[in-house]
Amino acid sequence: MKGRVLLLDQGHAALLVDGRLEDLLLEDPAGHPSPGDIYRARVDRVMPNMGGVFLRLGPDLQGYLREGKGVRSGTEMLVQVSGYAEPGKAVPVSRRPLLKSRRVILTPGAPGVNISRSIRDLEIRSSLGEVVWDEPDIGLILRSAARAASPTDLGAEAARLLSAWRKIEEGDGGRLWHLSGTEMALNEWTDPVPDAIHAKGMTTQLFKIVVELFGRDPLTEDDPFDRLGVWEAVEALSCPELPLPSGGSMVIEPTRALVAVDVNAADGSAMTANVEAARELPRQLRLRGLGGQIAVDFAPLKKMHRKKIEEVLKAALRRDPVETQMVGWTPLGHMELNRKRERRPIIS
């Protein structure tokens, strides 16, 4: 199958490019906190030595806020989950919630209308400046995807988010706002959009698109994830060892402290295996939902060849949507990466 295909199935989203799984978001059946969720929290403990505070998000759920200046115990506040928590740790949260849709972002507490800097055309910026927005305490950001939209459509999209925010403000407690995996996939998509998805309040368009809003294909009545091999690809992600084209392998094993990656080469093909692993690593981390500290032990590699590996890895990371910093080589010859924890790991 050629082209890009987006599959949506009961809260799950998968992107296939030329038949290969490139991105994946799976709905968490347990309903754990996810980035973007908003809670009405109560300050539990102020930790002046750490510069932050622990909050109570629910009966058995604790959050951690780094911005603890001027906060007192017992204070109630709205917070937004900013990342996934490591096992046994508090959920990271922020006091500056953002409500995102495909083309606009609502910024409570930060008034004003701002236009994405990626939109440089002066005529388009002038047109977007006609969006009517009269909220004195809530701001609006027009994202890059807004460039082709009319001020009327953008105003309507912003009004939907504003209505959601008013309901959040009125909420009594607990989780007040939650985005499913499907909604997040559409919300954060980078391409322009089809009318088929307006029912979800989102917008997106791909070169080729298969949309399953209700979990079944009305033409075949079978599961599109099964039919296109998505579940088979997901099952393969549970295996730590990944074969490489040259005959070597890459083993990816998450531990409590870091993600360990070991590259093994077939006889006489160490450099080839290392290049293949560097090219494939960001995709594997993305699909497996892994982040934090990453330590890569490449197959035996001379220092003079490290530059080549760095170039290949940097190019692969530029195509990856998850923020990742290439820290550098350790004295033992391992490559260290620091990757944002944006997704829940498939295998904990």
C-alpha atoms as a PDB file:
ATOM      1  CA  MET A   1       0.000   0.000   0.000  1.00  0.00           C
ATOM      2  CA  LYS A   2       1.476   3.320  -1.085  1.00  0.00           C
ATOM      3  CA  GLY A   3       0.950   6.691   0.549  1.00  0.00           C
ATOM      4  CA  ARG A   4      -0.011   7.834   4.043  1.00  0.00           C
ATOM      5  CA  VAL A   5      -2.977   6.243   5.797  1.00  0.00           C
ATOM      6  CA  LEU A   6      -4.445   7.349   9.119  1.00  0.00           C
ATOM      7  CA  LEU A   7      -6.503   4.713  10.929  1.00  0.00           C
ATOM      8  CA  LEU A   8      -8.832   5.628  13.790  1.00  0.00           C
ATOM      9  CA  ASP A   9     -10.422   2.848  15.782  1.00  0.00           C
ATOM     10  CA  GLN A  10     -12.233   3.300  19.126  1.00  0.00           C
ATOM     11  CA  GLY A  11      -9.764   5.708  20.690  1.00  0.00           C
ATOM     12  CA  HIS A  12      -6.694   4.287  18.932  1.00  0.00           C
ATOM     13  CA  ALA A  13      -4.836   6.004  16.090  1.00  0.00           C
ATOM     14  CA  ALA A  14      -2.183   4.628  13.761  1.00  0.00           C
ATOM     15  CA  LEU A  15      -0.266   6.192  10.884  1.00  0.00           C
ATOM     16  CA  LEU A  16       0.946   3.930   8.085  1.00  0.00           C
ATOM     17  CA  VAL A  17       3.390   5.214   5.461  1.00  0.00           C
ATOM     18  CA  ASP A  18       3.739   2.935   2.441  1.00  0.00           C
ATOM     19  CA  GLY A  19       2.262   0.122   4.519  1.00  0.00           C
ATOM     20  CA  ARG A  20       4.691   0.517   7.457  1.00  0.00           C
ATOM     21  CA  LEU A  21       3.600   1.617  10.929  1.00  0.00           C
ATOM     22  CA  GLU A  22       5.159   5.050  11.558  1.00  0.00           C
ATOM     23  CA  ASP A  23       3.204   6.430  14.492  1.00  0.00           C
ATOM     24  CA  LEU A  24       0.855   5.024  17.089  1.00  0.00           C
ATOM     25  CA  LEU A  25      -1.402   6.314  19.866  1.00  0.00           C
ATOM     26  CA  LEU A  26      -3.298   3.769  21.963  1.00  0.00           C
ATOM     27  CA  GLU A  27      -6.098   4.678  24.327  1.00  0.00           C
ATOM     28  CA  ASP A  28      -5.282   3.686  27.901  1.00  0.00           C
ATOM     29  CA  PRO A  29      -8.104   1.380  29.114  1.00  0.00           C
ATOM     30  CA  ALA A  30      -7.229   2.151  32.741  1.00  0.00           C
ATOM     31  CA  GLY A  31      -7.758   5.887  32.186  1.00  0.00           C
ATOM     32  CA  HIS A  32      -4.442   7.003  33.698  1.00  0.00           C
ATOM     33  CA  PRO A  33      -3.608  10.721  33.491  1.00  0.00           C
ATOM     34  CA  SER A  34      -2.376  11.786  30.055  1.00  0.00           C
ATOM     35  CA  PRO A  35      -0.701  15.014  28.872  1.00  0.00           C
ATOM     36  CA  GLY A  36      -3.403  17.614  28.299  1.00  0.00           C
ATOM     37  CA  ASP A  37      -5.741  16.366  31.050  1.00  0.00           C
ATOM     38  CA  ILE A  38      -6.908  19.099  33.430  1.00  0.00           C
ATOM     39  CA  TYR A  39      -7.587  18.537  37.135  1.00  0.00           C
ATOM     40  CA  ARG A  40      -8.877  20.648  39.996  1.00  0.00           C
ATOM     41  CA  ALA A  41      -6.159  19.887  42.527  1.00  0.00           C
ATOM     42  CA  ARG A  42      -5.468  20.685  46.163  1.00  0.00           C
ATOM     43  CA  VAL A  43      -1.961  21.465  47.448  1.00  0.00           C
ATOM     44  CA  ASP A  44      -0.868  18.634  49.713  1.00  0.00           C
ATOM     45  CA  ARG A  45       2.738  19.408  50.667  1.00  0.00           C
ATOM     46  CA  VAL A  46       4.995  22.347  49.923  1.00  0.00           C
ATOM     47  CA  MET A  47       8.609  21.268  49.356  1.00  0.00           C
ATOM     48  CA  PRO A  48      10.723  24.452  49.645  1.00  0.00           C
ATOM     49  CA  ASN A  49      14.010  22.563  49.278  1.00  0.00           C
ATOM     50  CA  MET A  50      12.815  21.091  45.975  1.00  0.00           C
ATOM     51  CA  GLY A  51      11.205  24.323  44.787  1.00  0.00           C
ATOM     52  CA  GLY A  52       7.890  22.590  44.098  1.00  0.00           C
ATOM     53  CA  VAL A  53       4.734  21.214  45.675  1.00  0.00           C
ATOM     54  CA  PHE A  54       2.873  17.903  45.777  1.00  0.00           C
ATOM     55  CA  LEU A  55      -0.831  18.075  44.967  1.00  0.00           C
ATOM     56  CA  ARG A  56      -3.781  15.774  45.452  1.00  0.00           C
ATOM     57  CA  LEU A  57      -5.398  15.106  42.068  1.00  0.00           C
ATOM     58  CA  GLY A  58      -7.719  12.390  43.304  1.00  0.00           C
ATOM     59  CA  PRO A  59      -8.160   9.899  46.164  1.00  0.00           C
ATOM     60  CA  ASP A  60      -5.135   7.840  45.084  1.00  0.00           C
ATOM     61  CA  LEU A  61      -3.460  10.182  42.635  1.00  0.00           C
ATOM     62  CA  GLN A  62      -0.632  12.597  43.375  1.00  0.00           C
ATOM     63  CA  GLY A  63       0.753  15.368  41.190  1.00  0.00           C
ATOM     64  CA  TYR A  64       3.953  17.384  41.319  1.00  0.00           C
ATOM     65  CA  LEU A  65       4.164  21.067  40.398  1.00  0.00           C
ATOM     66  CA  ARG A  66       7.600  22.624  39.887  1.00  0.00           C
ATOM     67  CA  GLU A  67       6.244  26.189  39.985  1.00  0.00           C
ATOM     68  CA  GLY A  68       5.661  26.260  43.749  1.00  0.00           C
ATOM     69  CA  LYS A  69       6.495  29.875  44.545  1.00  0.00           C
ATOM     70  CA  GLY A  70       3.849  31.538  46.738  1.00  0.00           C
ATOM     71  CA  VAL A  71       1.692  28.396  46.956  1.00  0.00           C
ATOM     72  CA  ARG A  72       0.322  27.347  50.349  1.00  0.00           C
ATOM     73  CA  SER A  73      -0.883  24.016  51.635  1.00  0.00           C
ATOM     74  CA  GLY A  74      -4.609  23.489  51.114  1.00  0.00           C
ATOM     75  CA  THR A  75      -4.831  25.847  48.100  1.00  0.00           C
ATOM     76  CA  GLU A  76      -7.067  24.677  45.239  1.00  0.00           C
ATOM     77  CA  MET A  77      -6.012  25.275  41.632  1.00  0.00           C
ATOM     78  CA  LEU A  78      -6.543  24.087  38.086  1.00  0.00           C
ATOM     79  CA  VAL A  79      -3.547  22.186  36.731  1.00  0.00           C
ATOM     80  CA  GLN A  80      -2.794  20.401  33.477  1.00  0.00           C
ATOM     81  CA  VAL A  81      -0.851  17.167  33.117  1.00  0.00           C
ATOM     82  CA  SER A  82       2.393  17.990  31.289  1.00  0.00           C
ATOM     83  CA  GLY A  83       3.870  14.511  30.883  1.00  0.00           C
ATOM     84  CA  TYR A  84       3.690  10.870  31.882  1.00  0.00           C
ATOM     85  CA  ALA A  85       4.836   9.856  35.344  1.00  0.00           C
ATOM     86  CA  GLU A  86       7.507   7.248  35.885  1.00  0.00           C
ATOM     87  CA  PRO A  87       6.246   4.218  37.850  1.00  0.00           C
ATOM     88  CA  GLY A  88       5.732   5.121  41.493  1.00  0.00           C
ATOM     89  CA  LYS A  89       6.216   8.862  40.954  1.00  0.00           C
ATOM     90  CA  ALA A  90       3.839  11.823  41.037  1.00  0.00           C
ATOM     91  CA  VAL A  91       2.271  13.056  37.801  1.00  0.00           C
ATOM     92  CA  PRO A  92       4.017  16.219  36.457  1.00  0.00           C
ATOM     93  CA  VAL A  93       1.583  19.131  36.096  1.00  0.00           C
ATOM     94  CA  SER A  94       1.584  22.807  35.086  1.00  0.00           C
ATOM     95  CA  ARG A  95      -0.420  25.804  36.340  1.00  0.00           C
ATOM     96  CA  ARG A  96      -0.720  27.180  32.798  1.00  0.00           C
ATOM     97  CA  PRO A  97      -3.341  25.056  31.055  1.00  0.00           C
ATOM     98  CA  LEU A  98      -3.711  25.143  27.277  1.00  0.00           C
ATOM     99  CA  LEU A  99      -6.737  23.897  25.336  1.00  0.00           C
ATOM    100  CA  LYS A 100      -5.726  22.844  21.832  1.00  0.00           C
ATOM    101  CA  SER A 101      -7.656  22.158  18.673  1.00  0.00           C
ATOM    102  CA  ARG A 102      -6.300  21.663  15.181  1.00  0.00           C
ATOM    103  CA  ARG A 103      -6.033  25.350  14.334  1.00  0.00           C
ATOM    104  CA  VAL A 104      -6.248  27.299  17.585  1.00  0.00           C
ATOM    105  CA  ILE A 105      -4.941  27.184  21.143  1.00  0.00           C
ATOM    106  CA  LEU A 106      -6.770  28.736  24.083  1.00  0.00           C
ATOM    107  CA  THR A 107      -4.455  30.280  26.725  1.00  0.00           C
ATOM    108  CA  PRO A 108      -6.327  31.059  29.973  1.00  0.00           C
ATOM    109  CA  GLY A 109      -4.510  33.686  32.015  1.00  0.00           C
ATOM    110  CA  ALA A 110      -2.461  34.892  29.037  1.00  0.00           C
ATOM    111  CA  PRO A 111      -4.691  37.321  27.075  1.00  0.00           C
ATOM    112  CA  GLY A 112      -4.187  38.539  23.528  1.00  0.00           C
ATOM    113  CA  VAL A 113      -4.294  37.080  20.020  1.00  0.00           C
ATOM    114  CA  ASN A 114      -1.074  35.726  18.544  1.00  0.00           C
ATOM    115  CA  ILE A 115      -0.372  34.222  15.129  1.00  0.00           C
ATOM    116  CA  SER A 116       2.102  31.391  14.553  1.00  0.00           C
ATOM    117  CA  ARG A 117       5.492  32.704  13.457  1.00  0.00           C
ATOM    118  CA  SER A 118       5.602  29.997  10.779  1.00  0.00           C
ATOM    119  CA  ILE A 119       2.922  31.996   8.906  1.00  0.00           C
ATOM    120  CA  ARG A 120       5.046  34.644   7.199  1.00  0.00           C
ATOM    121  CA  ASP A 121       2.758  35.771   4.383  1.00  0.00           C
ATOM    122  CA  LEU A 122       1.683  39.323   5.330  1.00  0.00           C
ATOM    123  CA  GLU A 123      -1.639  39.059   3.516  1.00  0.00           C
ATOM    124  CA  ILE A 124      -2.550  35.856   5.370  1.00  0.00           C
ATOM    125  CA  ARG A 125      -1.455  37.338   8.705  1.00  0.00           C
ATOM    126  CA  SER A 126      -3.611  40.388   8.023  1.00  0.00           C
ATOM    127  CA  SER A 127      -6.605  38.176   7.268  1.00  0.00           C
ATOM    128  CA  LEU A 128      -6.069  36.128  10.447  1.00  0.00           C
ATOM    129  CA  GLY A 129      -5.913  39.360  12.415  1.00  0.00           C
ATOM    130  CA  GLU A 130      -9.626  39.806  11.665  1.00  0.00           C
ATOM    131  CA  VAL A 131     -10.564  36.985  14.037  1.00  0.00           C
ATOM    132  CA  VAL A 132     -12.938  38.462  16.622  1.00  0.00           C
ATOM    133  CA  TRP A 133     -11.793  37.739  20.182  1.00  0.00           C
ATOM    134  CA  ASP A 134     -13.010  39.831  23.123  1.00  0.00           C
ATOM    135  CA  GLU A 135     -12.016  37.742  26.153  1.00  0.00           C
ATOM    136  CA  PRO A 136      -9.949  40.004  28.488  1.00  0.00           C
ATOM    137  CA  ASP A 137      -8.368  37.195  30.548  1.00  0.00           C
ATOM    138  CA  ILE A 138      -8.005  34.447  27.941  1.00  0.00           C
ATOM    139  CA  GLY A 139      -5.695  34.486  24.958  1.00  0.00           C
ATOM    140  CA  LEU A 140      -5.796  32.818  21.576  1.00  0.00           C
ATOM    141  CA  ILE A 141      -2.992  31.418  19.435  1.00  0.00           C
ATOM    142  CA  LEU A 142      -3.649  30.791  15.748  1.00  0.00           C
ATOM    143  CA  ARG A 143      -1.582  27.759  14.774  1.00  0.00           C
ATOM    144  CA  SER A 144       0.141  27.163  11.446  1.00  0.00           C
ATOM    145  CA  ALA A 145      -2.840  25.068  10.291  1.00  0.00           C
ATOM    146  CA  ALA A 146      -5.002  28.223  10.528  1.00  0.00           C
ATOM    147  CA  ARG A 147      -3.428  29.738   7.419  1.00  0.00           C
ATOM    148  CA  ALA A 148      -6.114  28.362   5.061  1.00  0.00           C
ATOM    149  CA  ALA A 149      -9.095  28.943   7.362  1.00  0.00           C
ATOM    150  CA  SER A 150     -11.489  31.870   7.372  1.00  0.00           C
ATOM    151  CA  PRO A 151     -11.727  34.163  10.427  1.00  0.00           C
ATOM    152  CA  THR A 152     -15.319  32.956  10.870  1.00  0.00           C
ATOM    153  CA  ASP A 153     -14.305  29.285  11.048  1.00  0.00           C
ATOM    154  CA  LEU A 154     -11.446  30.055  13.422  1.00  0.00           C
ATOM    155  CA  GLY A 155     -13.762  32.091  15.640  1.00  0.00           C
ATOM    156  CA  ALA A 156     -16.202  29.179  15.787  1.00  0.00           C
ATOM    157  CA  GLU A 157     -13.395  26.762  16.673  1.00  0.00           C
ATOM    158  CA  ALA A 158     -12.165  29.097  19.404  1.00  0.00           C
ATOM    159  CA  ALA A 159     -15.709  29.461  20.740  1.00  0.00           C
ATOM    160  CA  ARG A 160     -15.947  25.675  21.171  1.00  0.00           C
ATOM    161  CA  LEU A 161     -12.769  25.665  23.215  1.00  0.00           C
ATOM    162  CA  LEU A 162     -13.988  28.640  25.252  1.00  0.00           C
ATOM    163  CA  SER A 163     -17.210  26.781  26.042  1.00  0.00           C
ATOM    164  CA  ALA A 164     -15.158  23.790  27.197  1.00  0.00           C
ATOM    165  CA  TRP A 165     -13.006  26.048  29.391  1.00  0.00           C
ATOM    166  CA  ARG A 166     -16.062  27.593  31.055  1.00  0.00           C
ATOM    167  CA  LYS A 167     -17.279  24.107  31.941  1.00  0.00           C
ATOM    168  CA  ILE A 168     -13.845  23.259  33.324  1.00  0.00           C
ATOM    169  CA  GLU A 169     -13.923  26.371  35.522  1.00  0.00           C
ATOM    170  CA  GLU A 170     -17.306  25.319  36.902  1.00  0.00           C
ATOM    171  CA  GLY A 171     -16.247  21.731  37.589  1.00  0.00           C
ATOM    172  CA  ASP A 172     -16.269  20.565  41.199  1.00  0.00           C
ATOM    173  CA  GLY A 173     -13.102  18.469  41.217  1.00  0.00           C
ATOM    174  CA  GLY A 174     -11.225  15.527  39.813  1.00  0.00           C
ATOM    175  CA  ARG A 175     -10.394  15.252  36.131  1.00  0.00           C
ATOM    176  CA  LEU A 176     -12.253  17.939  34.203  1.00  0.00           C
ATOM    177  CA  TRP A 177     -10.836  17.591  30.682  1.00  0.00           C
ATOM    178  CA  HIS A 178      -9.506  14.530  28.886  1.00  0.00           C
ATOM    179  CA  LEU A 179      -8.407  13.904  25.304  1.00  0.00           C
ATOM    180  CA  SER A 180      -8.613  10.384  23.959  1.00  0.00           C
ATOM    181  CA  GLY A 181      -5.800   8.939  21.862  1.00  0.00           C
ATOM    182  CA  THR A 182      -7.828   9.475  18.691  1.00  0.00           C
ATOM    183  CA  GLU A 183      -8.646  13.078  19.550  1.00  0.00           C
ATOM    184  CA  MET A 184      -5.024  13.785  20.410  1.00  0.00           C
ATOM    185  CA  ALA A 185      -3.879  12.289  17.124  1.00  0.00           C
ATOM    186  CA  LEU A 186      -6.195  14.558  15.173  1.00  0.00           C
ATOM    187  CA  ASN A 187      -5.486  17.518  17.398  1.00  0.00           C
ATOM    188  CA  GLU A 188      -1.748  17.352  16.827  1.00  0.00           C
ATOM    189  CA  TRP A 189      -1.750  16.260  13.179  1.00  0.00           C
ATOM    190  CA  THR A 190       0.515  18.266  10.882  1.00  0.00           C
ATOM    191  CA  ASP A 191      -1.310  18.035   7.545  1.00  0.00           C
ATOM    192  CA  PRO A 192      -4.290  20.125   6.331  1.00  0.00           C
ATOM    193  CA  VAL A 193      -7.888  18.261   6.900  1.00  0.00           C
ATOM    194  CA  PRO A 194     -10.980  16.477   5.518  1.00  0.00           C
ATOM    195  CA  ASP A 195     -14.574  17.289   6.257  1.00  0.00           C
ATOM    196  CA  ALA A 196     -15.045  13.674   7.350  1.00  0.00           C
ATOM    197  CA  ILE A 197     -13.475  14.413  10.701  1.00  0.00           C
ATOM    198  CA  HIS A 198     -15.434  17.538  11.640  1.00  0.00           C
ATOM    199  CA  ALA A 199     -17.759  15.258  13.602  1.00  0.00           C
ATOM    200  CA  LYS A 200     -14.912  14.895  16.108  1.00  0.00           C
ATOM    201  CA  GLY A 201     -14.377  18.641  16.255  1.00  0.00           C
ATOM    202  CA  MET A 202     -10.929  18.197  14.717  1.00  0.00           C
ATOM    203  CA  THR A 203      -9.446  18.684  11.269  1.00  0.00           C
ATOM    204  CA  THR A 204      -6.883  16.712   9.253  1.00  0.00           C
ATOM    205  CA  GLN A 205      -6.106  15.563   5.742  1.00  0.00           C
ATOM    206  CA  LEU A 206      -3.674  13.006   4.399  1.00  0.00           C
ATOM    207  CA  PHE A 207      -2.604  12.051   0.909  1.00  0.00           C
ATOM    208  CA  LYS A 208      -4.670   8.902   1.358  1.00  0.00           C
ATOM    209  CA  ILE A 209      -7.023   8.488   4.297  1.00  0.00           C
ATOM    210  CA  VAL A 210      -9.008   5.721   5.932  1.00  0.00           C
ATOM    211  CA  VAL A 211     -11.154   7.015   8.768  1.00  0.00           C
ATOM    212  CA  GLU A 212     -12.806   4.616  11.210  1.00  0.00           C
ATOM    213  CA  LEU A 213     -14.747   6.845  13.594  1.00  0.00           C
ATOM    214  CA  PHE A 214     -16.869   4.002  14.927  1.00  0.00           C
ATOM    215  CA  GLY A 215     -14.406   1.154  15.000  1.00  0.00           C
ATOM    216  CA  ARG A 216     -15.587  -0.813  11.939  1.00  0.00           C
ATOM    217  CA  ASP A 217     -15.204  -0.452   8.209  1.00  0.00           C
ATOM    218  CA  PRO A 218     -18.756  -0.214   6.807  1.00  0.00           C
ATOM    219  CA  LEU A 219     -17.564  -1.793   3.540  1.00  0.00           C
ATOM    220  CA  THR A 220     -15.904  -4.897   4.948  1.00  0.00           C
ATOM    221  CA  GLU A 221     -17.162  -5.107   8.543  1.00  0.00           C
ATOM    222  CA  ASP A 222     -13.733  -6.149   9.772  1.00  0.00           C
ATOM    223  CA  ASP A 223     -11.252  -4.435  12.056  1.00  0.00           C
ATOM    224  CA  PRO A 224      -9.028  -2.081   9.991  1.00  0.00           C
ATOM    225  CA  PHE A 225      -6.189  -2.517  12.489  1.00  0.00           C
ATOM    226  CA  ASP A 226      -6.327  -6.263  11.837  1.00  0.00           C
ATOM    227  CA  ARG A 227      -6.772  -5.932   8.102  1.00  0.00           C
ATOM    228  CA  LEU A 228      -3.780  -3.628   7.650  1.00  0.00           C
ATOM    229  CA  GLY A 229      -1.512  -5.443  10.103  1.00  0.00           C
ATOM    230  CA  VAL A 230      -1.418  -2.795  12.836  1.00  0.00           C
ATOM    231  CA  TRP A 231      -2.086  -5.158  15.738  1.00  0.00           C
ATOM    232  CA  GLU A 232       0.565  -7.543  14.421  1.00  0.00           C
ATOM    233  CA  ALA A 233       3.060  -4.651  14.345  1.00  0.00           C
ATOM    234  CA  VAL A 234       2.032  -3.609  17.869  1.00  0.00           C
ATOM    235  CA  GLU A 235       2.557  -7.155  19.139  1.00  0.00           C
ATOM    236  CA  ALA A 236       6.074  -7.136  17.659  1.00  0.00           C
ATOM    237  CA  LEU A 237       6.854  -4.047  19.756  1.00  0.00           C
ATOM    238  CA  SER A 238       6.544  -6.151  22.916  1.00  0.00           C
ATOM    239  CA  CYS A 239       9.710  -7.992  21.892  1.00  0.00           C
ATOM    240  CA  PRO A 240      12.885  -6.167  22.982  1.00  0.00           C
ATOM    241  CA  GLU A 241      14.940  -7.549  20.090  1.00  0.00           C
ATOM    242  CA  LEU A 242      14.567  -6.038  16.629  1.00  0.00           C
ATOM    243  CA  PRO A 243      16.312  -7.648  13.631  1.00  0.00           C
ATOM    244  CA  LEU A 244      18.308  -5.324  11.377  1.00  0.00           C
ATOM    245  CA  PRO A 245      18.460  -5.691   7.567  1.00  0.00           C
ATOM    246  CA  SER A 246      22.170  -6.559   7.570  1.00  0.00           C
ATOM    247  CA  GLY A 247      21.649  -9.548   9.846  1.00  0.00           C
ATOM    248  CA  GLY A 248      22.449  -7.857  13.143  1.00  0.00           C
ATOM    249  CA  SER A 249      19.965  -6.821  15.823  1.00  0.00           C
ATOM    250  CA  MET A 250      19.008  -3.979  18.148  1.00  0.00           C
ATOM    251  CA  VAL A 251      17.770  -4.748  21.666  1.00  0.00           C
ATOM    252  CA  ILE A 252      15.693  -2.057  23.424  1.00  0.00           C
ATOM    253  CA  GLU A 253      15.059  -2.611  27.122  1.00  0.00           C
ATOM    254  CA  PRO A 254      13.460  -0.013  29.420  1.00  0.00           C
ATOM    255  CA  THR A 255      14.704  -0.091  33.028  1.00  0.00           C
ATOM    256  CA  ARG A 256      13.716   1.967  36.053  1.00  0.00           C
ATOM    257  CA  ALA A 257      16.566   4.428  35.491  1.00  0.00           C
ATOM    258  CA  LEU A 258      16.955   4.543  31.710  1.00  0.00           C
ATOM    259  CA  VAL A 259      16.286   2.876  28.380  1.00  0.00           C
ATOM    260  CA  ALA A 260      19.187   0.621  27.398  1.00  0.00           C
ATOM    261  CA  VAL A 261      19.799   0.006  23.682  1.00  0.00           C
ATOM    262  CA  ASP A 262      22.298  -2.626  22.550  1.00  0.00           C
ATOM    263  CA  VAL A 263      23.322  -2.920  18.895  1.00  0.00           C
ATOM    264  CA  ASN A 264      24.723  -6.260  17.730  1.00  0.00           C
ATOM    265  CA  ALA A 265      26.309  -6.820  14.315  1.00  0.00           C
ATOM    266  CA  ALA A 266      26.617  -9.860  12.104  1.00  0.00           C
ATOM    267  CA  ASP A 267      30.178 -10.841  11.182  1.00  0.00           C
ATOM    268  CA  GLY A 268      32.084  -7.997   9.552  1.00  0.00           C
ATOM    269  CA  SER A 269      29.162  -5.547   9.334  1.00  0.00           C
ATOM    270  CA  ALA A 270      29.467  -3.439  12.505  1.00  0.00           C
ATOM    271  CA  MET A 271      29.322  -0.077  10.737  1.00  0.00           C
ATOM    272  CA  THR A 272      26.367  -1.142   8.595  1.00  0.00           C
ATOM    273  CA  ALA A 273      24.470  -2.382  11.664  1.00  0.00           C
ATOM    274  CA  ASN A 274      25.209   0.839  13.551  1.00  0.00           C
ATOM    275  CA  VAL A 275      23.924   3.011  10.698  1.00  0.00           C
ATOM    276  CA  GLU A 276      20.762   0.885  10.417  1.00  0.00           C
ATOM    277  CA  ALA A 277      20.182   1.119  14.178  1.00  0.00           C
ATOM    278  CA  ALA A 278      20.745   4.892  14.277  1.00  0.00           C
ATOM    279  CA  ARG A 279      18.277   5.365  11.431  1.00  0.00           C
ATOM    280  CA  GLU A 280      15.609   3.134  13.034  1.00  0.00           C
ATOM    281  CA  LEU A 281      15.982   4.086  16.704  1.00  0.00           C
ATOM    282  CA  PRO A 282      13.722   7.211  16.819  1.00  0.00           C
ATOM    283  CA  ARG A 283      10.862   5.284  15.169  1.00  0.00           C
ATOM    284  CA  GLN A 284      11.180   2.433  17.646  1.00  0.00           C
ATOM    285  CA  LEU A 285      11.251   4.782  20.653  1.00  0.00           C
ATOM    286  CA  ARG A 286       8.218   6.623  19.264  1.00  0.00           C
ATOM    287  CA  LEU A 287       6.163   3.473  18.680  1.00  0.00           C
ATOM    288  CA  ARG A 288       7.117   1.955  22.034  1.00  0.00           C
ATOM    289  CA  GLY A 289       6.345   5.226  23.846  1.00  0.00           C
ATOM    290  CA  LEU A 290       9.773   5.380  25.494  1.00  0.00           C
ATOM    291  CA  GLY A 291      11.438   8.516  26.823  1.00  0.00           C
ATOM    292  CA  GLY A 292      13.761   9.816  29.511  1.00  0.00           C
ATOM    293  CA  GLN A 293      17.443   8.920  29.445  1.00  0.00           C
ATOM    294  CA  ILE A 294      18.455   6.668  26.545  1.00  0.00           C
ATOM    295  CA  ALA A 295      21.856   4.926  26.515  1.00  0.00           C
ATOM    296  CA  VAL A 296      22.910   3.325  23.205  1.00  0.00           C
ATOM    297  CA  ASP A 297      25.722   0.778  23.113  1.00  0.00           C
ATOM    298  CA  PHE A 298      26.605   0.569  19.436  1.00  0.00           C
ATOM    299  CA  ALA A 299      28.505  -2.349  17.929  1.00  0.00           C
ATOM    300  CA  PRO A 300      32.322  -1.895  18.144  1.00  0.00           C
ATOM    301  CA  LEU A 301      32.960   1.521  16.640  1.00  0.00           C
ATOM    302  CA  LYS A 302      36.156   3.489  16.050  1.00  0.00           C
ATOM    303  CA  LYS A 303      36.140   7.117  17.173  1.00  0.00           C
ATOM    304  CA  MET A 304      36.797   8.235  13.614  1.00  0.00           C
ATOM    305  CA  HIS A 305      33.437   6.701  12.600  1.00  0.00           C
ATOM    306  CA  ARG A 306      31.353   8.372  15.326  1.00  0.00           C
ATOM    307  CA  LYS A 307      30.688  11.426  13.144  1.00  0.00           C
ATOM    308  CA  LYS A 308      28.860   9.281  10.607  1.00  0.00           C
ATOM    309  CA  ILE A 309      26.623   7.765  13.288  1.00  0.00           C
ATOM    310  CA  GLU A 310      25.874  11.233  14.677  1.00  0.00           C
ATOM    311  CA  GLU A 311      24.847  12.510  11.247  1.00  0.00           C
ATOM    312  CA  VAL A 312      22.511   9.563  10.613  1.00  0.00           C
ATOM    313  CA  LEU A 313      20.966   9.837  14.076  1.00  0.00           C
ATOM    314  CA  LYS A 314      20.474  13.610  13.823  1.00  0.00           C
ATOM    315  CA  ALA A 315      18.732  13.213  10.463  1.00  0.00           C
ATOM    316  CA  ALA A 316      16.394  10.571  11.916  1.00  0.00           C
ATOM    317  CA  LEU A 317      15.620  12.736  14.953  1.00  0.00           C
ATOM    318  CA  ARG A 318      14.736  15.710  12.753  1.00  0.00           C
ATOM    319  CA  ARG A 319      11.899  13.639  11.292  1.00  0.00           C
ATOM    320  CA  ASP A 320      10.677  12.605  14.740  1.00  0.00           C
ATOM    321  CA  PRO A 321       7.955  14.735  16.409  1.00  0.00           C
ATOM    322  CA  VAL A 322       9.065  13.904  19.971  1.00  0.00           C
ATOM    323  CA  GLU A 323      11.608  16.348  21.377  1.00  0.00           C
ATOM    324  CA  THR A 324      14.946  14.540  21.798  1.00  0.00           C
ATOM    325  CA  GLN A 325      18.355  15.916  22.736  1.00  0.00           C
ATOM    326  CA  MET A 326      21.490  14.124  21.575  1.00  0.00           C
ATOM    327  CA  VAL A 327      23.689  14.578  24.648  1.00  0.00           C
ATOM    328  CA  GLY A 328      26.850  12.943  23.292  1.00  0.00           C
ATOM    329  CA  TRP A 329      29.284  10.115  23.858  1.00  0.00           C
ATOM    330  CA  THR A 330      30.190   8.806  27.306  1.00  0.00           C
ATOM    331  CA  PRO A 331      33.758   7.845  28.301  1.00  0.00           C
ATOM    332  CA  LEU A 332      32.752   4.203  27.755  1.00  0.00           C
ATOM    333  CA  GLY A 333      31.667   4.934  24.183  1.00  0.00           C
ATOM    334  CA  HIS A 334      27.874   4.937  24.672  1.00  0.00           C
ATOM    335  CA  MET A 335      25.671   7.510  22.960  1.00  0.00           C
ATOM    336  CA  GLU A 336      23.341   9.288  25.384  1.00  0.00           C
ATOM    337  CA  LEU A 337      19.989  10.802  24.431  1.00  0.00           C
ATOM    338  CA  ASN A 338      17.479  12.695  26.544  1.00  0.00           C
ATOM    339  CA  ARG A 339      13.938  12.258  25.238  1.00  0.00           C
ATOM    340  CA  LYS A 340      10.739  13.918  26.402  1.00  0.00           C
ATOM    341  CA  ARG A 341       8.240  11.555  28.036  1.00  0.00           C
ATOM    342  CA  GLU A 342       5.318  12.409  25.779  1.00  0.00           C
ATOM    343  CA  ARG A 343       3.615   9.025  25.627  1.00  0.00           C
ATOM    344  CA  ARG A 344       2.740   6.120  27.833  1.00  0.00           C
ATOM    345  CA  PRO A 345       5.063   3.153  27.244  1.00  0.00           C
ATOM    346  CA  ILE A 346       3.447   0.170  25.547  1.00  0.00           C
ATOM    347  CA  ILE A 347       5.465  -2.115  27.826  1.00  0.00           C
ATOM    348  CA  SER A 348       6.089  -0.760  31.342  1.00  0.00           C
END
